[in-house]
């Protein structure tokens, strides 16, 4: 059950901090492999997956390097580096295989409540953009994971794939797109809640809501002594665990510092939000079935940026939606100094979601070795 009551002060094998997707997935793997493990979960908020994995707080809605142009930078010699895109799509394929197993095992009664098929596309315009996308497509054909991707510079073909983007567009303007029919759209918040709900039913797990982890340290026996505060009555209690997993979003940095482990050195974070222009016009929504990625000027005003994709966009048909904040990792890099990081190394910021299940498998190995 999901509880707001005081937890029993007993030792546990594994303590999970935060009800993010990685905590849910890690518990799934551990319970599948060793159901006798005693696992405690503590969440600062009063609901599940309400921070970095909440759909309105992140951009991780099925990223698999199919359309994102920043995953395939152009080298100084003009060639295209596809190494990052390959890592991402390979991890996403592993995640889909794991997801298929969980569906077959009964974890999800209605997978389409959180995952659905939708084409992923890259769209560019102008001579420079078209030349880049053409080279990018040619470079990715070396991998079988991208070989069914289509490429076109034909106005008629583009208009059939993305009607609102091509309507009222100047036909003399060069444009091109790649089209991958096997893209997906994922609501990772709903996925995470489905995992926790199934764990509750199958393994009778208990998640302690409104509990904030305040500190942790290792004792002489290498067990972690974790102090948790009950936000409802301000009580602070201790829990002993052999293994601790921090899936606590931005709060993980503070806890890593308190843990005094060397793996926590060299990281910091800063808050990130975002903006969406959400379409209100049903007729326009009905014409569009694709996730279209492209480039636009960083300083472009909202509607001006939108009109680079939808030339006749009308302000009255759209509303501005503001994302809540999440934490983006900053890490040390020997060559570049401090860099913004989108990987899943300390915690899982949303753009790393394609790699969350493979990352959890690695954490699972660590737990079982510790046990």
Protein backbone atom coordinates (compact mmCIF):
# COMPACT_ATOMS: atom_id res chain seq x y z
CA UNK A 1 0.00 0.00 0.00
CA UNK A 2 1.02 3.65 -0.27
CA UNK A 3 1.34 4.94 3.27
CA UNK A 4 1.58 8.24 5.09
CA UNK A 5 2.05 6.45 8.43
CA UNK A 6 5.25 5.93 10.40
CA UNK A 7 7.43 3.10 9.09
CA UNK A 8 8.56 0.35 11.41
CA UNK A 9 12.12 0.94 12.63
CA UNK A 10 13.56 -2.25 11.21
CA UNK A 11 16.58 -2.97 9.08
CA UNK A 12 16.06 -3.30 5.35
CA UNK A 13 18.17 -4.77 2.59
CA UNK A 14 17.61 -1.91 0.15
CA UNK A 15 16.45 1.66 0.71
CA UNK A 16 15.22 3.66 -2.28
CA UNK A 17 15.02 7.45 -2.10
CA UNK A 18 12.42 9.08 -4.34
CA UNK A 19 9.62 7.58 -6.43
CA UNK A 20 11.19 8.33 -9.81
CA UNK A 21 11.10 5.78 -12.61
CA UNK A 22 14.57 4.47 -11.83
CA UNK A 23 13.52 3.60 -8.27
CA UNK A 24 10.45 1.78 -9.57
CA UNK A 25 12.40 -0.11 -12.22
CA UNK A 26 15.16 -1.08 -9.80
CA UNK A 27 12.61 -2.49 -7.36
CA UNK A 28 10.94 -4.42 -10.20
CA UNK A 29 14.25 -6.04 -11.18
CA UNK A 30 15.19 -6.85 -7.60
CA UNK A 31 11.80 -8.34 -6.76
CA UNK A 32 11.85 -10.41 -9.96
CA UNK A 33 15.28 -11.83 -9.13
CA UNK A 34 15.09 -12.01 -5.33
CA UNK A 35 11.52 -11.48 -4.10
CA UNK A 36 12.58 -12.04 -0.49
CA UNK A 37 14.51 -8.76 -0.41
CA UNK A 38 13.16 -6.25 2.09
CA UNK A 39 12.95 -2.89 0.30
CA UNK A 40 11.89 0.45 1.80
CA UNK A 41 10.95 3.46 -0.36
CA UNK A 42 10.77 7.05 0.88
CA UNK A 43 9.27 9.96 -1.03
CA UNK A 44 9.38 13.61 0.06
CA UNK A 45 6.20 14.56 -1.81
CA UNK A 46 2.66 13.34 -1.19
CA UNK A 47 2.32 11.55 -4.55
CA UNK A 48 4.32 9.32 -6.88
CA UNK A 49 6.56 10.47 -9.74
CA UNK A 50 5.56 14.10 -9.33
CA UNK A 51 8.92 15.76 -9.94
CA UNK A 52 11.47 14.95 -12.67
CA UNK A 53 9.41 12.07 -14.07
CA UNK A 54 6.19 14.04 -14.23
CA UNK A 55 5.18 14.48 -17.88
CA UNK A 56 4.83 18.25 -17.62
CA UNK A 57 8.27 18.63 -16.05
CA UNK A 58 10.44 16.97 -18.64
CA UNK A 59 11.22 16.54 -22.32
CA UNK A 60 11.83 12.81 -22.10
CA UNK A 61 8.86 11.53 -24.05
CA UNK A 62 10.49 8.75 -26.02
CA UNK A 63 13.81 10.21 -27.08
CA UNK A 64 15.67 7.60 -29.13
CA UNK A 65 17.98 9.76 -31.28
CA UNK A 66 15.72 9.35 -34.31
CA UNK A 67 15.01 13.03 -34.83
CA UNK A 68 17.12 15.11 -32.45
CA UNK A 69 19.72 16.97 -34.51
CA UNK A 70 21.99 17.78 -31.55
CA UNK A 71 22.81 14.08 -31.10
CA UNK A 72 24.66 14.00 -34.44
CA UNK A 73 27.09 16.95 -34.51
CA UNK A 74 29.09 17.84 -37.57
CA UNK A 75 32.87 17.47 -37.17
CA UNK A 76 35.37 20.08 -38.31
CA UNK A 77 36.08 18.06 -41.47
CA UNK A 78 32.39 18.14 -42.38
CA UNK A 79 31.63 14.51 -41.50
CA UNK A 80 28.82 13.56 -39.11
CA UNK A 81 29.48 11.99 -35.71
CA UNK A 82 26.70 9.46 -35.03
CA UNK A 83 28.31 7.78 -31.99
CA UNK A 84 26.04 9.44 -29.40
CA UNK A 85 22.92 8.69 -31.45
CA UNK A 86 23.95 5.02 -31.68
CA UNK A 87 24.40 4.73 -27.91
CA UNK A 88 21.02 6.30 -27.27
CA UNK A 89 19.02 4.21 -29.73
CA UNK A 90 20.75 1.00 -28.62
CA UNK A 91 19.81 1.74 -25.01
CA UNK A 92 16.26 2.62 -26.01
CA UNK A 93 15.94 -0.70 -27.86
CA UNK A 94 17.05 -2.52 -24.71
CA UNK A 95 14.46 -0.54 -22.75
CA UNK A 96 11.75 -1.59 -25.21
CA UNK A 97 12.77 -5.24 -24.86
CA UNK A 98 12.54 -4.99 -21.08
CA UNK A 99 9.20 -3.26 -21.43
CA UNK A 100 7.93 -6.06 -23.67
CA UNK A 101 8.90 -8.60 -21.03
CA UNK A 102 7.04 -6.65 -18.34
CA UNK A 103 3.94 -6.46 -20.55
CA UNK A 104 4.06 -10.22 -21.13
CA UNK A 105 4.52 -10.77 -17.39
CA UNK A 106 1.37 -8.82 -16.59
CA UNK A 107 2.87 -5.64 -15.21
CA UNK A 108 0.76 -3.46 -17.48
CA UNK A 109 -2.87 -4.12 -18.37
CA UNK A 110 -3.04 -1.18 -20.81
CA UNK A 111 0.42 -0.21 -22.12
CA UNK A 112 -1.12 2.33 -24.48
CA UNK A 113 -1.98 4.40 -21.43
CA UNK A 114 1.67 5.51 -21.37
CA UNK A 115 3.33 4.44 -24.65
CA UNK A 116 2.13 4.87 -28.23
CA UNK A 117 3.62 4.78 -31.71
CA UNK A 118 4.25 8.05 -33.49
CA UNK A 119 6.64 8.91 -36.35
CA UNK A 120 9.80 10.79 -35.39
CA UNK A 121 11.07 13.31 -37.92
CA UNK A 122 13.84 15.86 -38.45
CA UNK A 123 12.85 18.92 -40.47
CA UNK A 124 15.27 21.48 -41.91
CA UNK A 125 15.14 24.27 -44.47
CA UNK A 126 17.67 26.27 -46.48
CA UNK A 127 20.70 25.02 -48.40
CA UNK A 128 22.88 24.56 -45.32
CA UNK A 129 20.23 22.71 -43.35
CA UNK A 130 19.34 20.39 -46.22
CA UNK A 131 23.01 19.57 -46.89
CA UNK A 132 23.51 18.73 -43.20
CA UNK A 133 20.44 16.50 -42.98
CA UNK A 134 21.36 14.66 -46.17
CA UNK A 135 24.85 13.87 -44.85
CA UNK A 136 23.38 12.94 -41.48
CA UNK A 137 20.99 10.48 -43.07
CA UNK A 138 23.75 8.93 -45.20
CA UNK A 139 26.00 8.51 -42.15
CA UNK A 140 23.30 6.77 -40.13
CA UNK A 141 22.57 4.27 -42.88
CA UNK A 142 25.71 2.42 -41.74
CA UNK A 143 23.69 1.17 -38.74
CA UNK A 144 20.86 -1.32 -39.19
CA UNK A 145 18.95 0.55 -36.47
CA UNK A 146 18.44 3.48 -38.84
CA UNK A 147 18.18 1.69 -42.18
CA UNK A 148 14.38 1.83 -42.45
CA UNK A 149 14.43 5.59 -41.94
CA UNK A 150 13.20 7.53 -44.97
CA UNK A 151 14.63 10.75 -46.38
CA UNK A 152 12.96 13.18 -48.74
CA UNK A 153 13.36 16.65 -50.21
CA UNK A 154 10.13 16.40 -52.23
CA UNK A 155 7.51 18.98 -51.25
CA UNK A 156 4.64 16.59 -51.97
CA UNK A 157 6.12 13.87 -49.76
CA UNK A 158 6.80 16.28 -46.93
CA UNK A 159 3.25 17.63 -47.20
CA UNK A 160 1.86 14.10 -46.82
CA UNK A 161 3.94 13.47 -43.69
CA UNK A 162 3.52 16.83 -41.92
CA UNK A 163 0.62 18.79 -43.48
CA UNK A 164 0.57 21.74 -41.03
CA UNK A 165 4.31 22.28 -41.49
CA UNK A 166 4.10 22.47 -45.27
CA UNK A 167 0.83 24.38 -45.66
CA UNK A 168 1.42 27.98 -46.79
CA UNK A 169 5.18 27.34 -47.00
CA UNK A 170 7.10 28.97 -49.85
CA UNK A 171 7.65 26.21 -52.42
CA UNK A 172 10.88 27.85 -53.57
CA UNK A 173 12.42 27.30 -50.12
CA UNK A 174 14.54 24.17 -49.99
CA UNK A 175 13.42 21.79 -47.24
CA UNK A 176 14.09 18.20 -46.24
CA UNK A 177 13.06 15.71 -43.62
CA UNK A 178 13.83 12.26 -42.30
CA UNK A 179 10.90 10.07 -41.31
CA UNK A 180 11.02 7.10 -38.92
CA UNK A 181 7.68 5.35 -38.57
CA UNK A 182 8.82 3.32 -35.53
CA UNK A 183 9.07 6.26 -33.14
CA UNK A 184 7.27 6.29 -29.79
CA UNK A 185 5.70 8.74 -27.40
CA UNK A 186 6.03 7.87 -23.72
CA UNK A 187 4.51 9.35 -20.58
CA UNK A 188 7.18 8.31 -18.09
CA UNK A 189 5.19 9.59 -15.14
CA UNK A 190 2.29 7.25 -15.91
CA UNK A 191 4.73 4.43 -16.63
CA UNK A 192 6.36 4.91 -13.23
CA UNK A 193 3.02 4.95 -11.43
CA UNK A 194 1.99 1.76 -13.25
CA UNK A 195 5.15 0.03 -12.03
CA UNK A 196 4.57 1.07 -8.43
CA UNK A 197 0.90 0.06 -8.56
CA UNK A 198 1.79 -3.38 -9.87
CA UNK A 199 4.51 -3.80 -7.24
CA UNK A 200 1.91 -2.95 -4.61
CA UNK A 201 -0.43 -5.65 -5.93
CA UNK A 202 2.14 -8.37 -6.59
CA UNK A 203 4.64 -7.85 -3.78
CA UNK A 204 2.61 -5.81 -1.28
CA UNK A 205 5.24 -3.08 -1.20
CA UNK A 206 4.79 0.03 0.88
CA UNK A 207 5.92 3.48 -0.21
CA UNK A 208 6.29 6.01 2.59
CA UNK A 209 5.05 9.34 1.29
CA UNK A 210 5.81 12.72 2.88
CA UNK A 211 9.13 11.48 4.22
CA UNK A 212 12.30 13.43 3.48
CA UNK A 213 15.70 11.79 3.76
CA UNK A 214 17.84 14.25 5.72
CA UNK A 215 21.18 12.48 6.09
CA UNK A 216 23.02 9.21 5.65
CA UNK A 217 26.32 7.77 6.79
CA UNK A 218 27.98 4.38 6.99
CA UNK A 219 28.57 2.64 10.29
CA UNK A 220 31.50 0.40 11.18
CA UNK A 221 29.76 -2.58 9.57
CA UNK A 222 29.37 -0.68 6.26
CA UNK A 223 25.62 -0.41 6.66
CA UNK A 224 23.96 2.88 5.84
CA UNK A 225 22.23 4.73 8.67
CA UNK A 226 19.62 6.93 7.03
CA UNK A 227 17.73 9.69 8.85
CA UNK A 228 14.23 10.33 7.53
CA UNK A 229 11.89 13.10 8.59
CA UNK A 230 8.12 12.62 8.69
CA UNK A 231 6.88 15.90 7.19
CA UNK A 232 3.44 15.40 8.75
CA UNK A 233 4.58 15.53 12.39
CA UNK A 234 8.27 16.58 12.20
CA UNK A 235 9.48 13.30 13.69
CA UNK A 236 12.94 12.17 12.58
CA UNK A 237 13.84 8.49 12.72
CA UNK A 238 16.67 6.26 11.65
CA UNK A 239 16.66 3.35 9.19
CA UNK A 240 19.51 0.90 8.61
CA UNK A 241 20.10 -0.41 5.08
CA UNK A 242 22.79 -2.42 3.34
CA UNK A 243 22.27 -0.65 0.01
CA UNK A 244 20.89 2.82 -0.76
CA UNK A 245 19.75 4.03 -4.17
CA UNK A 246 19.28 7.76 -4.66
CA UNK A 247 16.56 8.45 -7.18
CA UNK A 248 15.84 11.79 -5.55
CA UNK A 249 16.25 14.25 -8.42
CA UNK A 250 18.08 17.39 -7.38
CA UNK A 251 18.06 16.27 -3.77
CA UNK A 252 20.50 13.50 -4.68
CA UNK A 253 23.40 15.97 -4.89
CA UNK A 254 22.99 17.10 -1.29
CA UNK A 255 22.71 13.50 -0.11
CA UNK A 256 25.74 12.46 -2.16
CA UNK A 257 27.77 15.13 -0.39
CA UNK A 258 26.61 13.84 2.99
CA UNK A 259 27.38 10.23 2.05
CA UNK A 260 31.06 11.15 1.60
CA UNK A 261 31.58 8.66 -1.23
CA UNK A 262 34.15 9.52 -3.90
CA UNK A 263 31.66 8.89 -6.74
CA UNK A 264 29.79 11.99 -5.65
CA UNK A 265 32.70 14.34 -6.31
CA UNK A 266 32.77 16.64 -9.33
CA UNK A 267 29.02 17.12 -9.76
CA UNK A 268 26.70 20.05 -9.28
CA UNK A 269 23.32 21.05 -10.66
CA UNK A 270 21.17 23.94 -11.74
CA UNK A 271 17.41 24.34 -12.18
CA UNK A 272 15.90 23.98 -15.64
CA UNK A 273 12.40 24.78 -16.76
CA UNK A 274 10.85 25.03 -20.21
CA UNK A 275 8.00 26.38 -22.26
CA UNK A 276 5.49 24.76 -24.58
CA UNK A 277 3.14 26.32 -27.05
CA UNK A 278 0.11 24.04 -26.80
CA UNK A 279 -2.35 23.98 -29.69
CA UNK A 280 -6.02 24.59 -28.84
CA UNK A 281 -7.43 24.21 -32.37
CA UNK A 282 -8.86 20.71 -32.84
CA UNK A 283 -8.82 20.88 -36.64
CA UNK A 284 -5.09 21.63 -36.65
CA UNK A 285 -4.36 18.95 -34.06
CA UNK A 286 -6.17 16.36 -36.20
CA UNK A 287 -3.84 17.07 -39.13
CA UNK A 288 -0.63 16.44 -37.23
CA UNK A 289 0.66 13.02 -36.15
CA UNK A 290 4.43 13.22 -35.73
CA UNK A 291 7.19 14.44 -33.45
CA UNK A 292 9.15 16.94 -35.53
CA UNK A 293 12.61 18.06 -34.44
CA UNK A 294 14.53 20.94 -35.97
CA UNK A 295 16.69 23.97 -35.33
CA UNK A 296 15.54 27.48 -34.58
CA UNK A 297 17.17 30.69 -33.43
CA UNK A 298 17.84 30.68 -29.70
CA UNK A 299 16.60 34.24 -29.33
CA UNK A 300 13.48 33.81 -31.45
CA UNK A 301 10.23 34.92 -29.76
CA UNK A 302 7.78 32.11 -29.13
CA UNK A 303 5.36 32.66 -32.02
CA UNK A 304 8.16 33.57 -34.43
CA UNK A 305 9.92 30.32 -33.58
CA UNK A 306 6.69 28.37 -34.07
CA UNK A 307 6.09 29.99 -37.46
CA UNK A 308 9.40 28.64 -38.72
CA UNK A 309 7.69 25.25 -38.46
CA UNK A 310 4.05 26.21 -39.03
CA UNK A 311 4.11 29.29 -41.29
CA UNK A 312 0.49 30.36 -40.75
CA UNK A 313 0.35 29.72 -36.98
CA UNK A 314 -2.16 32.06 -35.32
CA UNK A 315 -1.56 33.23 -31.76
CA UNK A 316 -5.21 32.67 -30.79
CA UNK A 317 -4.86 28.94 -31.59
CA UNK A 318 -2.07 28.42 -29.06
CA UNK A 319 -1.49 28.84 -25.34
CA UNK A 320 1.79 29.08 -23.45
CA UNK A 321 2.45 26.33 -20.89
CA UNK A 322 5.31 26.60 -18.40
CA UNK A 323 7.10 23.50 -17.16
CA UNK A 324 7.96 23.13 -13.51
CA UNK A 325 11.62 23.07 -12.58
CA UNK A 326 13.89 20.07 -12.53
CA UNK A 327 17.64 19.79 -11.96
CA UNK A 328 20.19 19.48 -14.74
CA UNK A 329 23.57 17.93 -13.96
CA UNK A 330 26.85 19.81 -14.31
CA UNK A 331 29.92 17.58 -14.28
CA UNK A 332 33.65 17.95 -14.66
CA UNK A 333 35.17 17.20 -18.04
CA UNK A 334 38.94 17.00 -18.50
CA UNK A 335 38.83 18.70 -21.90
CA UNK A 336 35.85 21.06 -21.65
CA UNK A 337 35.80 21.95 -17.95
CA UNK A 338 32.32 22.20 -16.44
CA UNK A 339 29.74 20.86 -18.88
CA UNK A 340 26.01 20.33 -18.79
CA UNK A 341 25.36 16.60 -18.80
CA UNK A 342 22.34 14.75 -20.15
CA UNK A 343 23.51 11.26 -19.17
CA UNK A 344 22.29 9.01 -16.37
CA UNK A 345 25.30 8.84 -14.07
CA UNK A 346 24.24 10.21 -10.70
CA UNK A 347 20.54 10.63 -11.23
CA UNK A 348 18.27 10.46 -14.22
CA UNK A 349 17.36 13.80 -15.78
CA UNK A 350 14.64 13.28 -18.33
CA UNK A 351 16.66 13.43 -21.56
CA UNK A 352 18.48 10.37 -20.27
CA UNK A 353 15.28 8.35 -20.12
CA UNK A 354 16.16 6.12 -23.08
CA UNK A 355 18.93 4.74 -20.89
CA UNK A 356 17.05 4.47 -17.60
CA UNK A 357 16.27 0.74 -17.73
CA UNK A 358 19.78 -0.36 -18.80
CA UNK A 359 21.17 1.91 -16.06
CA UNK A 360 18.85 0.25 -13.54
CA UNK A 361 20.12 -3.17 -14.59
CA UNK A 362 23.64 -2.05 -13.70
CA UNK A 363 22.41 -0.80 -10.32
CA UNK A 364 20.65 -4.13 -9.81
CA UNK A 365 23.96 -5.95 -10.30
CA UNK A 366 25.54 -3.72 -7.66
CA UNK A 367 22.78 -4.51 -5.17
CA UNK A 368 23.05 -8.25 -5.68
CA UNK A 369 26.84 -8.13 -5.37
CA UNK A 370 26.46 -6.14 -2.15
CA UNK A 371 23.99 -8.69 -0.79
